Amino acid sequence: MAEKKTTRRKPFSIVRFLQPRIGGMPPVRLAYGQVVLRPPVDGDWREWSSLRANSREFLKPWEPSWSRDVLSRTAFRRRLRGWGRDWNDDRSYAFFIFHAENDGLLGGITFNNLRRGIVQTASLGYWIGQPYAGQGHMTEAMQAVLRYGFDHLNLHRIEAACVTDNDASRRVLEKTGFRREGLALKYLRIDGRWRDHYTFAVLREDLEKADKDADGGGAGD
């Protein structure tokens, strides 16, 4: 009988720095594989605006319409204030994604619309700059935030959705353990049009099982 092959999971770490909050968000650092994630700060504006500007045509088909001043420093500071309020109010948690070796900005990922009580769920939104697409960075970032969501935000379920013809986004979700649950018609207004979306979700139990199997503890060992 051929030997069963297992893929061991990459180490995940989280660090909380003991320093004042910047923009209302605590200085948390997540690391997984070749990516590092942390909340955005004011000093990120120039690199963020440059990456978004250079990736405009790549990102526009999958995002809400951009306002005229969306990349301005003033608009970025408004975002920071909003992210900070939402973090403190347990409504959303925003992270920027950086390369672990050169600290270059790669993209962003955010927990949105947290619901507590008997639900304990949130939705994920994410983007990657065009120069870094298709290189596995978003897959690693997704693994990091899933662990943060389940282990530190105490979520039970994490949801995501993608436009039906966004194959790259769909593959990221499937590779990171999300299960496709359905089709939401005219779900979100994307690039000026109401677009159909596939809906996905992953449960805490799904990730726990995947980690156990990757560590060699699955059935048949």
N, C-alpha and C. Protein backbone atom coordinates (compact mmCIF):
# COMPACT_ATOMS: atom_id res chain seq x y z
N MET A 1 0.85 -1.20 0.00
CA MET A 1 0.00 0.00 0.00
C MET A 1 0.88 1.24 0.00
N ALA A 2 0.53 2.20 -0.86
CA ALA A 2 1.33 3.43 -0.93
C ALA A 2 1.21 4.20 0.36
N GLU A 3 2.31 4.81 0.76
CA GLU A 3 2.32 5.59 2.00
C GLU A 3 1.49 6.85 1.83
N LYS A 4 0.65 7.12 2.83
CA LYS A 4 -0.20 8.31 2.80
C LYS A 4 0.64 9.56 3.00
N LYS A 5 0.49 10.53 2.09
CA LYS A 5 1.24 11.78 2.20
C LYS A 5 0.42 12.82 2.96
N THR A 6 1.05 13.58 3.80
CA THR A 6 0.39 14.66 4.52
C THR A 6 1.16 15.96 4.29
N THR A 7 0.42 17.05 4.22
CA THR A 7 1.03 18.37 4.08
C THR A 7 0.94 19.07 5.43
N ARG A 8 2.07 19.29 6.05
CA ARG A 8 2.05 19.92 7.37
C ARG A 8 1.76 21.41 7.24
N ARG A 9 0.95 21.90 8.16
CA ARG A 9 0.59 23.30 8.12
C ARG A 9 1.76 24.18 8.53
N LYS A 10 1.77 25.39 8.03
CA LYS A 10 2.82 26.34 8.37
C LYS A 10 2.54 26.95 9.74
N PRO A 11 3.60 27.35 10.46
CA PRO A 11 3.38 27.92 11.79
C PRO A 11 2.67 29.26 11.72
N PHE A 12 1.78 29.47 12.68
CA PHE A 12 1.05 30.72 12.81
C PHE A 12 1.44 31.37 14.12
N SER A 13 1.65 32.68 14.11
CA SER A 13 1.99 33.38 15.35
C SER A 13 1.22 34.69 15.42
N ILE A 14 0.97 35.13 16.64
CA ILE A 14 0.33 36.41 16.88
C ILE A 14 1.09 37.11 17.99
N VAL A 15 1.40 38.38 17.79
CA VAL A 15 2.12 39.18 18.78
C VAL A 15 1.32 40.45 19.04
N ARG A 16 1.15 40.81 20.30
CA ARG A 16 0.54 42.08 20.68
C ARG A 16 1.61 42.95 21.30
N PHE A 17 1.93 44.06 20.68
CA PHE A 17 2.98 44.94 21.17
C PHE A 17 2.42 45.85 22.26
N LEU A 18 3.21 46.07 23.30
CA LEU A 18 2.80 46.91 24.42
C LEU A 18 3.18 48.35 24.14
N GLN A 19 2.36 49.02 23.34
CA GLN A 19 2.59 50.43 23.02
C GLN A 19 1.23 51.08 22.76
N PRO A 20 1.15 52.39 22.76
CA PRO A 20 -0.16 53.04 22.58
C PRO A 20 -0.81 52.66 21.25
N ARG A 21 -2.12 52.68 21.24
CA ARG A 21 -2.85 52.40 20.02
C ARG A 21 -2.64 53.51 19.00
N ILE A 22 -2.62 53.12 17.73
CA ILE A 22 -2.44 54.07 16.64
C ILE A 22 -3.69 54.04 15.78
N GLY A 23 -4.38 55.17 15.69
CA GLY A 23 -5.61 55.19 14.91
C GLY A 23 -6.74 54.41 15.54
N GLY A 24 -6.64 54.11 16.84
CA GLY A 24 -7.70 53.41 17.53
C GLY A 24 -7.60 51.91 17.45
N MET A 25 -6.65 51.38 16.71
CA MET A 25 -6.50 49.93 16.58
C MET A 25 -5.27 49.46 17.34
N PRO A 26 -5.36 48.34 18.05
CA PRO A 26 -4.21 47.85 18.81
C PRO A 26 -3.11 47.34 17.87
N PRO A 27 -1.86 47.49 18.26
CA PRO A 27 -0.75 47.03 17.41
C PRO A 27 -0.58 45.52 17.48
N VAL A 28 -1.40 44.80 16.72
CA VAL A 28 -1.37 43.34 16.65
C VAL A 28 -0.63 42.92 15.39
N ARG A 29 0.15 41.87 15.48
CA ARG A 29 0.90 41.36 14.33
C ARG A 29 0.61 39.87 14.17
N LEU A 30 0.15 39.47 12.98
CA LEU A 30 -0.07 38.06 12.65
C LEU A 30 0.98 37.64 11.64
N ALA A 31 1.45 36.41 11.74
CA ALA A 31 2.44 35.91 10.79
C ALA A 31 2.07 34.49 10.38
N TYR A 32 2.15 34.23 9.07
CA TYR A 32 1.86 32.90 8.55
C TYR A 32 2.62 32.75 7.23
N GLY A 33 3.50 31.76 7.14
CA GLY A 33 4.26 31.56 5.91
C GLY A 33 5.09 32.77 5.57
N GLN A 34 4.89 33.32 4.37
CA GLN A 34 5.66 34.45 3.88
C GLN A 34 4.96 35.78 4.04
N VAL A 35 3.87 35.82 4.83
CA VAL A 35 3.15 37.08 5.00
C VAL A 35 3.06 37.46 6.47
N VAL A 36 2.98 38.76 6.69
CA VAL A 36 2.76 39.35 8.01
C VAL A 36 1.56 40.29 7.89
N LEU A 37 0.68 40.27 8.86
CA LEU A 37 -0.50 41.12 8.85
C LEU A 37 -0.53 41.99 10.11
N ARG A 38 -0.97 43.24 9.94
CA ARG A 38 -1.16 44.14 11.07
C ARG A 38 -2.20 45.17 10.69
N PRO A 39 -2.81 45.84 11.68
CA PRO A 39 -3.75 46.91 11.35
C PRO A 39 -3.04 48.05 10.62
N PRO A 40 -3.74 48.72 9.71
CA PRO A 40 -3.14 49.85 8.99
C PRO A 40 -2.89 51.04 9.90
N VAL A 41 -1.86 51.82 9.56
CA VAL A 41 -1.52 53.04 10.29
C VAL A 41 -1.37 54.18 9.27
N ASP A 42 -1.31 55.40 9.78
CA ASP A 42 -1.25 56.58 8.91
C ASP A 42 -0.05 56.54 7.97
N GLY A 43 1.07 56.00 8.44
CA GLY A 43 2.27 55.94 7.61
C GLY A 43 2.18 55.01 6.43
N ASP A 44 1.10 54.23 6.33
CA ASP A 44 0.92 53.30 5.20
C ASP A 44 0.31 53.99 3.98
N TRP A 45 -0.15 55.24 4.15
CA TRP A 45 -0.94 55.84 3.09
C TRP A 45 -0.22 55.86 1.74
N ARG A 46 1.02 56.31 1.70
CA ARG A 46 1.68 56.48 0.41
C ARG A 46 1.82 55.16 -0.34
N GLU A 47 2.25 54.12 0.37
CA GLU A 47 2.42 52.82 -0.28
C GLU A 47 1.07 52.23 -0.67
N TRP A 48 0.07 52.39 0.21
CA TRP A 48 -1.27 51.90 -0.08
C TRP A 48 -1.86 52.58 -1.32
N SER A 49 -1.77 53.90 -1.38
CA SER A 49 -2.36 54.63 -2.50
C SER A 49 -1.64 54.29 -3.81
N SER A 50 -0.32 54.11 -3.75
CA SER A 50 0.43 53.76 -4.95
C SER A 50 0.05 52.37 -5.46
N LEU A 51 -0.04 51.41 -4.54
CA LEU A 51 -0.39 50.05 -4.95
C LEU A 51 -1.81 50.00 -5.50
N ARG A 52 -2.74 50.68 -4.85
CA ARG A 52 -4.12 50.69 -5.33
C ARG A 52 -4.23 51.40 -6.69
N ALA A 53 -3.50 52.51 -6.84
CA ALA A 53 -3.55 53.24 -8.12
C ALA A 53 -3.01 52.38 -9.26
N ASN A 54 -1.89 51.71 -9.02
CA ASN A 54 -1.28 50.87 -10.05
C ASN A 54 -2.09 49.61 -10.34
N SER A 55 -2.99 49.26 -9.42
CA SER A 55 -3.81 48.05 -9.59
C SER A 55 -5.26 48.38 -9.93
N ARG A 56 -5.52 49.65 -10.24
CA ARG A 56 -6.92 50.11 -10.42
C ARG A 56 -7.69 49.24 -11.40
N GLU A 57 -7.18 49.05 -12.60
CA GLU A 57 -7.92 48.31 -13.62
C GLU A 57 -8.07 46.83 -13.25
N PHE A 58 -7.12 46.32 -12.48
CA PHE A 58 -7.17 44.94 -12.00
C PHE A 58 -8.24 44.76 -10.93
N LEU A 59 -8.42 45.76 -10.06
CA LEU A 59 -9.32 45.64 -8.92
C LEU A 59 -10.75 46.09 -9.23
N LYS A 60 -10.91 47.07 -10.12
CA LYS A 60 -12.21 47.70 -10.34
C LYS A 60 -13.34 46.71 -10.64
N PRO A 61 -13.13 45.66 -11.45
CA PRO A 61 -14.26 44.76 -11.75
C PRO A 61 -14.81 44.02 -10.54
N TRP A 62 -14.07 44.02 -9.42
CA TRP A 62 -14.48 43.20 -8.27
C TRP A 62 -14.80 44.04 -7.04
N GLU A 63 -14.85 45.37 -7.18
CA GLU A 63 -15.04 46.24 -6.02
C GLU A 63 -16.16 47.25 -6.28
N PRO A 64 -16.72 47.82 -5.21
CA PRO A 64 -17.65 48.95 -5.40
C PRO A 64 -16.96 50.09 -6.15
N SER A 65 -17.75 50.92 -6.81
CA SER A 65 -17.18 52.03 -7.59
C SER A 65 -16.31 52.92 -6.72
N TRP A 66 -15.18 53.34 -7.28
CA TRP A 66 -14.24 54.20 -6.54
C TRP A 66 -14.71 55.65 -6.61
N SER A 67 -14.67 56.35 -5.48
CA SER A 67 -14.96 57.77 -5.48
C SER A 67 -13.77 58.54 -6.07
N ARG A 68 -13.99 59.81 -6.42
CA ARG A 68 -12.95 60.58 -7.08
C ARG A 68 -11.72 60.76 -6.19
N ASP A 69 -11.94 60.90 -4.87
CA ASP A 69 -10.81 61.16 -3.97
C ASP A 69 -10.42 59.92 -3.15
N VAL A 70 -10.77 58.75 -3.62
CA VAL A 70 -10.62 57.53 -2.82
C VAL A 70 -9.18 57.28 -2.38
N LEU A 71 -8.20 57.74 -3.16
CA LEU A 71 -6.80 57.45 -2.83
C LEU A 71 -6.11 58.62 -2.13
N SER A 72 -6.85 59.67 -1.81
CA SER A 72 -6.24 60.83 -1.17
C SER A 72 -5.88 60.52 0.28
N ARG A 73 -4.96 61.31 0.83
CA ARG A 73 -4.58 61.13 2.23
C ARG A 73 -5.75 61.42 3.16
N THR A 74 -6.57 62.40 2.81
CA THR A 74 -7.73 62.72 3.62
C THR A 74 -8.70 61.54 3.68
N ALA A 75 -8.94 60.93 2.51
CA ALA A 75 -9.84 59.77 2.47
C ALA A 75 -9.25 58.60 3.26
N PHE A 76 -7.93 58.42 3.17
CA PHE A 76 -7.29 57.33 3.91
C PHE A 76 -7.44 57.54 5.42
N ARG A 77 -7.28 58.78 5.86
CA ARG A 77 -7.43 59.06 7.29
C ARG A 77 -8.86 58.85 7.75
N ARG A 78 -9.83 59.14 6.88
CA ARG A 78 -11.22 58.82 7.22
C ARG A 78 -11.39 57.32 7.40
N ARG A 79 -10.77 56.56 6.50
CA ARG A 79 -10.83 55.10 6.63
C ARG A 79 -10.22 54.66 7.96
N LEU A 80 -9.06 55.21 8.29
CA LEU A 80 -8.40 54.83 9.54
C LEU A 80 -9.30 55.08 10.75
N ARG A 81 -9.94 56.25 10.78
CA ARG A 81 -10.83 56.55 11.89
C ARG A 81 -11.99 55.57 11.94
N GLY A 82 -12.53 55.25 10.78
CA GLY A 82 -13.63 54.29 10.74
C GLY A 82 -13.19 52.90 11.17
N TRP A 83 -12.03 52.46 10.67
CA TRP A 83 -11.51 51.15 11.08
C TRP A 83 -11.28 51.12 12.59
N GLY A 84 -10.74 52.21 13.14
CA GLY A 84 -10.47 52.27 14.57
C GLY A 84 -11.74 52.18 15.39
N ARG A 85 -12.77 52.95 15.00
CA ARG A 85 -14.04 52.89 15.72
C ARG A 85 -14.65 51.49 15.65
N ASP A 86 -14.61 50.91 14.46
CA ASP A 86 -15.22 49.58 14.30
C ASP A 86 -14.46 48.53 15.10
N TRP A 87 -13.12 48.63 15.15
CA TRP A 87 -12.33 47.68 15.93
C TRP A 87 -12.71 47.78 17.41
N ASN A 88 -12.76 49.00 17.92
CA ASN A 88 -13.08 49.20 19.33
C ASN A 88 -14.51 48.79 19.67
N ASP A 89 -15.41 48.90 18.68
CA ASP A 89 -16.81 48.53 18.90
C ASP A 89 -17.10 47.08 18.54
N ASP A 90 -16.06 46.32 18.18
CA ASP A 90 -16.21 44.89 17.83
C ASP A 90 -17.14 44.71 16.64
N ARG A 91 -17.02 45.63 15.66
CA ARG A 91 -17.83 45.52 14.44
C ARG A 91 -17.04 45.01 13.25
N SER A 92 -15.76 45.42 13.16
CA SER A 92 -14.91 44.92 12.08
C SER A 92 -13.45 45.01 12.51
N TYR A 93 -12.60 44.24 11.82
CA TYR A 93 -11.17 44.19 12.15
C TYR A 93 -10.40 44.21 10.83
N ALA A 94 -9.66 45.31 10.59
CA ALA A 94 -8.95 45.51 9.33
C ALA A 94 -7.47 45.19 9.49
N PHE A 95 -6.92 44.53 8.49
CA PHE A 95 -5.49 44.21 8.44
C PHE A 95 -4.94 44.54 7.06
N PHE A 96 -3.69 45.01 7.03
CA PHE A 96 -2.93 45.07 5.79
C PHE A 96 -2.00 43.86 5.76
N ILE A 97 -1.69 43.43 4.54
CA ILE A 97 -0.86 42.24 4.32
C ILE A 97 0.49 42.69 3.78
N PHE A 98 1.58 42.23 4.41
CA PHE A 98 2.94 42.60 4.00
C PHE A 98 3.76 41.34 3.75
N HIS A 99 4.77 41.48 2.89
CA HIS A 99 5.70 40.38 2.66
C HIS A 99 6.64 40.28 3.86
N ALA A 100 6.84 39.08 4.35
CA ALA A 100 7.63 38.90 5.57
C ALA A 100 9.10 39.26 5.38
N GLU A 101 9.63 39.16 4.15
CA GLU A 101 11.06 39.39 3.93
C GLU A 101 11.39 40.86 3.70
N ASN A 102 10.56 41.55 2.89
CA ASN A 102 10.91 42.94 2.55
C ASN A 102 9.92 43.97 3.10
N ASP A 103 8.90 43.51 3.82
CA ASP A 103 7.92 44.40 4.46
C ASP A 103 7.13 45.21 3.45
N GLY A 104 7.08 44.77 2.18
CA GLY A 104 6.30 45.48 1.17
C GLY A 104 4.81 45.17 1.29
N LEU A 105 3.98 46.18 1.06
CA LEU A 105 2.54 46.01 1.14
C LEU A 105 2.05 45.16 -0.04
N LEU A 106 1.23 44.15 0.27
CA LEU A 106 0.69 43.25 -0.74
C LEU A 106 -0.79 43.43 -0.97
N GLY A 107 -1.55 43.77 0.08
CA GLY A 107 -2.99 43.86 -0.05
C GLY A 107 -3.63 44.09 1.31
N GLY A 108 -4.91 43.74 1.42
CA GLY A 108 -5.62 43.93 2.68
C GLY A 108 -6.71 42.89 2.86
N ILE A 109 -7.12 42.69 4.12
CA ILE A 109 -8.17 41.73 4.44
C ILE A 109 -8.87 42.20 5.70
N THR A 110 -10.19 42.12 5.73
CA THR A 110 -10.97 42.70 6.81
C THR A 110 -12.11 41.79 7.22
N PHE A 111 -12.28 41.61 8.54
CA PHE A 111 -13.50 41.03 9.09
C PHE A 111 -14.55 42.13 9.14
N ASN A 112 -15.68 41.92 8.48
CA ASN A 112 -16.77 42.89 8.46
C ASN A 112 -18.02 42.31 9.11
N ASN A 113 -18.91 43.21 9.55
CA ASN A 113 -20.26 42.83 9.98
C ASN A 113 -20.24 41.71 11.01
N LEU A 114 -19.46 41.90 12.08
CA LEU A 114 -19.45 40.90 13.14
C LEU A 114 -20.82 40.83 13.80
N ARG A 115 -21.28 39.62 14.03
CA ARG A 115 -22.55 39.38 14.71
C ARG A 115 -22.27 38.45 15.88
N ARG A 116 -22.69 38.87 17.06
CA ARG A 116 -22.42 38.10 18.27
C ARG A 116 -23.68 37.34 18.69
N GLY A 117 -23.89 37.18 20.00
CA GLY A 117 -25.06 36.45 20.47
C GLY A 117 -25.00 34.99 20.07
N ILE A 118 -26.11 34.50 19.55
CA ILE A 118 -26.18 33.08 19.19
C ILE A 118 -25.59 32.80 17.81
N VAL A 119 -25.08 33.84 17.13
CA VAL A 119 -24.56 33.67 15.76
C VAL A 119 -23.05 33.51 15.76
N GLN A 120 -22.31 34.48 16.34
CA GLN A 120 -20.84 34.44 16.40
C GLN A 120 -20.22 34.25 15.01
N THR A 121 -20.50 35.20 14.13
CA THR A 121 -20.02 35.08 12.75
C THR A 121 -19.57 36.43 12.23
N ALA A 122 -18.83 36.42 11.13
CA ALA A 122 -18.38 37.64 10.46
C ALA A 122 -18.17 37.33 8.98
N SER A 123 -18.08 38.40 8.19
CA SER A 123 -17.81 38.25 6.75
C SER A 123 -16.42 38.78 6.44
N LEU A 124 -15.75 38.15 5.49
CA LEU A 124 -14.41 38.56 5.09
C LEU A 124 -14.45 39.29 3.75
N GLY A 125 -13.73 40.42 3.69
CA GLY A 125 -13.47 41.09 2.43
C GLY A 125 -11.97 41.18 2.24
N TYR A 126 -11.48 41.14 1.00
CA TYR A 126 -10.03 41.08 0.80
C TYR A 126 -9.68 41.58 -0.61
N TRP A 127 -8.42 42.05 -0.74
CA TRP A 127 -7.92 42.47 -2.05
C TRP A 127 -6.40 42.25 -2.07
N ILE A 128 -5.86 42.07 -3.27
CA ILE A 128 -4.43 41.88 -3.45
C ILE A 128 -3.98 42.77 -4.61
N GLY A 129 -2.83 43.42 -4.47
CA GLY A 129 -2.30 44.25 -5.54
C GLY A 129 -1.95 43.41 -6.76
N GLN A 130 -2.14 43.97 -7.94
CA GLN A 130 -1.93 43.22 -9.17
C GLN A 130 -0.54 42.59 -9.27
N PRO A 131 0.55 43.27 -8.87
CA PRO A 131 1.87 42.64 -9.02
C PRO A 131 2.04 41.38 -8.18
N TYR A 132 1.17 41.17 -7.18
CA TYR A 132 1.36 40.07 -6.25
C TYR A 132 0.28 39.00 -6.35
N ALA A 133 -0.61 39.15 -7.33
CA ALA A 133 -1.69 38.19 -7.51
C ALA A 133 -1.14 36.85 -8.02
N GLY A 134 -1.79 35.78 -7.61
CA GLY A 134 -1.46 34.45 -8.11
C GLY A 134 -0.18 33.87 -7.56
N GLN A 135 0.35 34.44 -6.47
CA GLN A 135 1.61 33.95 -5.89
C GLN A 135 1.42 33.28 -4.54
N GLY A 136 0.18 33.07 -4.12
CA GLY A 136 -0.10 32.38 -2.87
C GLY A 136 -0.16 33.28 -1.64
N HIS A 137 0.06 34.59 -1.81
CA HIS A 137 0.07 35.48 -0.65
C HIS A 137 -1.31 35.58 0.01
N MET A 138 -2.37 35.69 -0.79
CA MET A 138 -3.69 35.80 -0.19
C MET A 138 -4.11 34.51 0.48
N THR A 139 -3.70 33.38 -0.06
CA THR A 139 -4.01 32.11 0.58
C THR A 139 -3.38 32.04 1.97
N GLU A 140 -2.13 32.50 2.10
CA GLU A 140 -1.48 32.49 3.41
C GLU A 140 -2.12 33.52 4.34
N ALA A 141 -2.46 34.69 3.82
CA ALA A 141 -3.11 35.70 4.65
C ALA A 141 -4.45 35.20 5.16
N MET A 142 -5.17 34.48 4.31
CA MET A 142 -6.45 33.93 4.72
C MET A 142 -6.28 32.93 5.86
N GLN A 143 -5.24 32.10 5.77
CA GLN A 143 -4.98 31.14 6.84
C GLN A 143 -4.72 31.86 8.15
N ALA A 144 -3.99 32.98 8.10
CA ALA A 144 -3.69 33.73 9.32
C ALA A 144 -4.96 34.32 9.94
N VAL A 145 -5.79 34.96 9.13
CA VAL A 145 -6.96 35.62 9.71
C VAL A 145 -8.01 34.61 10.15
N LEU A 146 -8.09 33.46 9.51
CA LEU A 146 -9.03 32.44 9.98
C LEU A 146 -8.67 32.02 11.40
N ARG A 147 -7.39 31.81 11.65
CA ARG A 147 -6.96 31.42 13.00
C ARG A 147 -7.21 32.54 14.00
N TYR A 148 -6.98 33.76 13.58
CA TYR A 148 -7.25 34.88 14.47
C TYR A 148 -8.75 34.98 14.75
N GLY A 149 -9.55 34.80 13.73
CA GLY A 149 -11.00 34.89 13.91
C GLY A 149 -11.56 33.84 14.83
N PHE A 150 -11.10 32.61 14.66
CA PHE A 150 -11.63 31.53 15.49
C PHE A 150 -11.02 31.52 16.89
N ASP A 151 -9.71 31.72 16.97
CA ASP A 151 -9.03 31.56 18.26
C ASP A 151 -9.05 32.82 19.13
N HIS A 152 -9.09 34.01 18.51
CA HIS A 152 -8.98 35.24 19.28
C HIS A 152 -10.24 36.10 19.26
N LEU A 153 -11.02 36.02 18.18
CA LEU A 153 -12.31 36.71 18.16
C LEU A 153 -13.44 35.79 18.59
N ASN A 154 -13.12 34.51 18.78
CA ASN A 154 -14.09 33.52 19.25
C ASN A 154 -15.30 33.38 18.32
N LEU A 155 -15.03 33.48 17.01
CA LEU A 155 -16.09 33.26 16.04
C LEU A 155 -16.35 31.76 15.87
N HIS A 156 -17.56 31.45 15.45
CA HIS A 156 -17.91 30.06 15.14
C HIS A 156 -17.96 29.83 13.63
N ARG A 157 -18.26 30.90 12.89
CA ARG A 157 -18.48 30.77 11.45
C ARG A 157 -17.93 32.03 10.77
N ILE A 158 -17.24 31.87 9.66
CA ILE A 158 -16.73 32.99 8.88
C ILE A 158 -17.25 32.85 7.45
N GLU A 159 -17.83 33.91 6.94
CA GLU A 159 -18.46 33.89 5.62
C GLU A 159 -17.67 34.73 4.63
N ALA A 160 -17.86 34.46 3.36
CA ALA A 160 -17.27 35.26 2.29
C ALA A 160 -18.13 35.11 1.05
N ALA A 161 -17.98 36.03 0.12
CA ALA A 161 -18.72 35.96 -1.14
C ALA A 161 -17.84 36.48 -2.25
N CYS A 162 -18.03 35.97 -3.45
CA CYS A 162 -17.27 36.48 -4.60
C CYS A 162 -18.17 36.51 -5.83
N VAL A 163 -17.91 37.48 -6.69
CA VAL A 163 -18.63 37.57 -7.96
C VAL A 163 -18.46 36.25 -8.72
N THR A 164 -19.52 35.81 -9.37
CA THR A 164 -19.53 34.46 -9.94
C THR A 164 -18.43 34.21 -10.96
N ASP A 165 -17.93 35.26 -11.63
CA ASP A 165 -16.88 35.02 -12.62
C ASP A 165 -15.49 35.40 -12.10
N ASN A 166 -15.35 35.59 -10.78
CA ASN A 166 -14.04 35.87 -10.19
C ASN A 166 -13.41 34.54 -9.78
N ASP A 167 -12.82 33.87 -10.74
CA ASP A 167 -12.28 32.53 -10.50
C ASP A 167 -11.12 32.54 -9.52
N ALA A 168 -10.30 33.58 -9.56
CA ALA A 168 -9.14 33.62 -8.65
C ALA A 168 -9.60 33.70 -7.20
N SER A 169 -10.60 34.53 -6.93
CA SER A 169 -11.12 34.66 -5.57
C SER A 169 -11.77 33.36 -5.12
N ARG A 170 -12.52 32.73 -6.00
CA ARG A 170 -13.15 31.46 -5.66
C ARG A 170 -12.12 30.40 -5.30
N ARG A 171 -11.03 30.35 -6.06
CA ARG A 171 -10.00 29.33 -5.78
C ARG A 171 -9.35 29.57 -4.42
N VAL A 172 -9.10 30.84 -4.06
CA VAL A 172 -8.53 31.14 -2.75
C VAL A 172 -9.44 30.62 -1.64
N LEU A 173 -10.73 30.88 -1.76
CA LEU A 173 -11.67 30.43 -0.74
C LEU A 173 -11.69 28.91 -0.65
N GLU A 174 -11.72 28.25 -1.77
CA GLU A 174 -11.78 26.78 -1.76
C GLU A 174 -10.49 26.19 -1.19
N LYS A 175 -9.35 26.78 -1.53
CA LYS A 175 -8.07 26.27 -1.02
C LYS A 175 -7.92 26.45 0.48
N THR A 176 -8.61 27.43 1.05
CA THR A 176 -8.46 27.69 2.47
C THR A 176 -9.60 27.10 3.30
N GLY A 177 -10.37 26.21 2.71
CA GLY A 177 -11.34 25.44 3.48
C GLY A 177 -12.77 25.94 3.44
N PHE A 178 -13.05 27.01 2.70
CA PHE A 178 -14.42 27.48 2.60
C PHE A 178 -15.26 26.53 1.76
N ARG A 179 -16.50 26.38 2.15
CA ARG A 179 -17.46 25.54 1.44
C ARG A 179 -18.47 26.44 0.74
N ARG A 180 -18.70 26.18 -0.55
CA ARG A 180 -19.69 26.98 -1.27
C ARG A 180 -21.09 26.58 -0.84
N GLU A 181 -21.88 27.58 -0.43
CA GLU A 181 -23.20 27.29 0.12
C GLU A 181 -24.35 27.69 -0.80
N GLY A 182 -24.12 28.62 -1.70
CA GLY A 182 -25.24 29.01 -2.54
C GLY A 182 -24.92 30.14 -3.48
N LEU A 183 -25.96 30.66 -4.09
CA LEU A 183 -25.87 31.76 -5.04
C LEU A 183 -26.78 32.87 -4.57
N ALA A 184 -26.23 34.07 -4.37
CA ALA A 184 -27.01 35.24 -3.96
C ALA A 184 -27.18 36.15 -5.17
N LEU A 185 -28.41 36.27 -5.66
CA LEU A 185 -28.69 37.07 -6.85
C LEU A 185 -28.63 38.56 -6.55
N LYS A 186 -27.98 39.31 -7.46
CA LYS A 186 -27.87 40.77 -7.30
C LYS A 186 -27.46 41.13 -5.88
N TYR A 187 -26.43 40.50 -5.38
CA TYR A 187 -26.08 40.56 -3.96
C TYR A 187 -25.42 41.87 -3.56
N LEU A 188 -24.45 42.34 -4.37
CA LEU A 188 -23.72 43.57 -4.05
C LEU A 188 -23.58 44.41 -5.32
N ARG A 189 -23.52 45.73 -5.11
CA ARG A 189 -23.33 46.65 -6.25
C ARG A 189 -21.83 46.80 -6.48
N ILE A 190 -21.33 46.16 -7.51
CA ILE A 190 -19.90 46.09 -7.81
C ILE A 190 -19.63 46.81 -9.13
N ASP A 191 -18.69 47.75 -9.11
CA ASP A 191 -18.32 48.51 -10.30
C ASP A 191 -19.55 49.07 -11.01
N GLY A 192 -20.51 49.55 -10.21
CA GLY A 192 -21.68 50.21 -10.76
C GLY A 192 -22.83 49.31 -11.15
N ARG A 193 -22.69 47.99 -10.95
CA ARG A 193 -23.76 47.06 -11.33
C ARG A 193 -24.05 46.08 -10.19
N TRP A 194 -25.32 45.71 -10.03
CA TRP A 194 -25.67 44.68 -9.07
C TRP A 194 -25.24 43.33 -9.62
N ARG A 195 -24.38 42.65 -8.87
CA ARG A 195 -23.78 41.41 -9.36
C ARG A 195 -24.18 40.20 -8.52
N ASP A 196 -24.38 39.08 -9.19
CA ASP A 196 -24.60 37.82 -8.50
C ASP A 196 -23.30 37.37 -7.84
N HIS A 197 -23.41 36.74 -6.67
CA HIS A 197 -22.24 36.25 -5.94
C HIS A 197 -22.45 34.81 -5.48
N TYR A 198 -21.39 34.05 -5.51
CA TYR A 198 -21.38 32.78 -4.80
C TYR A 198 -21.11 33.07 -3.33
N THR A 199 -21.80 32.38 -2.45
CA THR A 199 -21.60 32.55 -1.00
C THR A 199 -20.86 31.34 -0.44
N PHE A 200 -19.94 31.61 0.47
CA PHE A 200 -19.08 30.59 1.06
C PHE A 200 -19.07 30.75 2.58
N ALA A 201 -18.71 29.68 3.28
CA ALA A 201 -18.52 29.76 4.73
C ALA A 201 -17.57 28.66 5.17
N VAL A 202 -16.91 28.92 6.31
CA VAL A 202 -16.06 27.92 6.95
C VAL A 202 -16.37 27.97 8.45
N LEU A 203 -16.39 26.82 9.09
CA LEU A 203 -16.69 26.71 10.52
C LEU A 203 -15.43 26.47 11.32
N ARG A 204 -15.48 26.81 12.60
CA ARG A 204 -14.36 26.53 13.48
C ARG A 204 -13.96 25.05 13.41
N GLU A 205 -14.96 24.17 13.38
CA GLU A 205 -14.67 22.74 13.34
C GLU A 205 -13.94 22.33 12.06
N ASP A 206 -14.24 23.02 10.96
CA ASP A 206 -13.57 22.71 9.69
C ASP A 206 -12.07 22.98 9.79
N LEU A 207 -11.71 24.11 10.37
CA LEU A 207 -10.29 24.46 10.49
C LEU A 207 -9.59 23.54 11.48
N GLU A 208 -10.25 23.22 12.58
CA GLU A 208 -9.65 22.31 13.57
C GLU A 208 -9.37 20.95 12.94
N LYS A 209 -10.29 20.45 12.14
CA LYS A 209 -10.09 19.16 11.48
C LYS A 209 -8.96 19.24 10.46
N ALA A 210 -8.92 20.33 9.68
CA ALA A 210 -7.86 20.48 8.67
C ALA A 210 -6.49 20.53 9.33
N ASP A 211 -6.37 21.27 10.46
CA ASP A 211 -5.10 21.35 11.16
C ASP A 211 -4.69 19.99 11.74
N LYS A 212 -5.67 19.26 12.25
CA LYS A 212 -5.38 17.94 12.81
C LYS A 212 -4.89 16.99 11.71
N ASP A 213 -5.56 17.02 10.56
CA ASP A 213 -5.13 16.17 9.44
C ASP A 213 -3.75 16.57 8.94
N ALA A 214 -3.47 17.88 8.88
CA ALA A 214 -2.17 18.34 8.39
C ALA A 214 -1.05 17.95 9.34
N ASP A 215 -1.37 17.85 10.62
CA ASP A 215 -0.38 17.46 11.61
C ASP A 215 -0.23 15.95 11.75
N GLY A 216 -0.93 15.21 10.88
CA GLY A 216 -0.78 13.76 10.91
C GLY A 216 -1.70 13.06 11.87
N GLY A 217 -2.76 13.77 12.31
CA GLY A 217 -3.64 13.15 13.29
C GLY A 217 -4.97 12.75 12.74
N GLY A 218 -5.06 12.59 11.43
CA GLY A 218 -6.33 12.23 10.82
C GLY A 218 -6.64 10.77 11.00
N ALA A 219 -7.82 10.38 10.51
CA ALA A 219 -8.26 8.99 10.62
C ALA A 219 -7.29 8.07 9.88
N GLY A 220 -7.08 6.94 10.45
CA GLY A 220 -6.24 5.94 9.81
C GLY A 220 -4.80 5.99 10.22
N ASP A 221 -4.41 6.96 11.11
CA ASP A 221 -3.03 7.04 11.59
C ASP A 221 -2.75 5.93 12.58
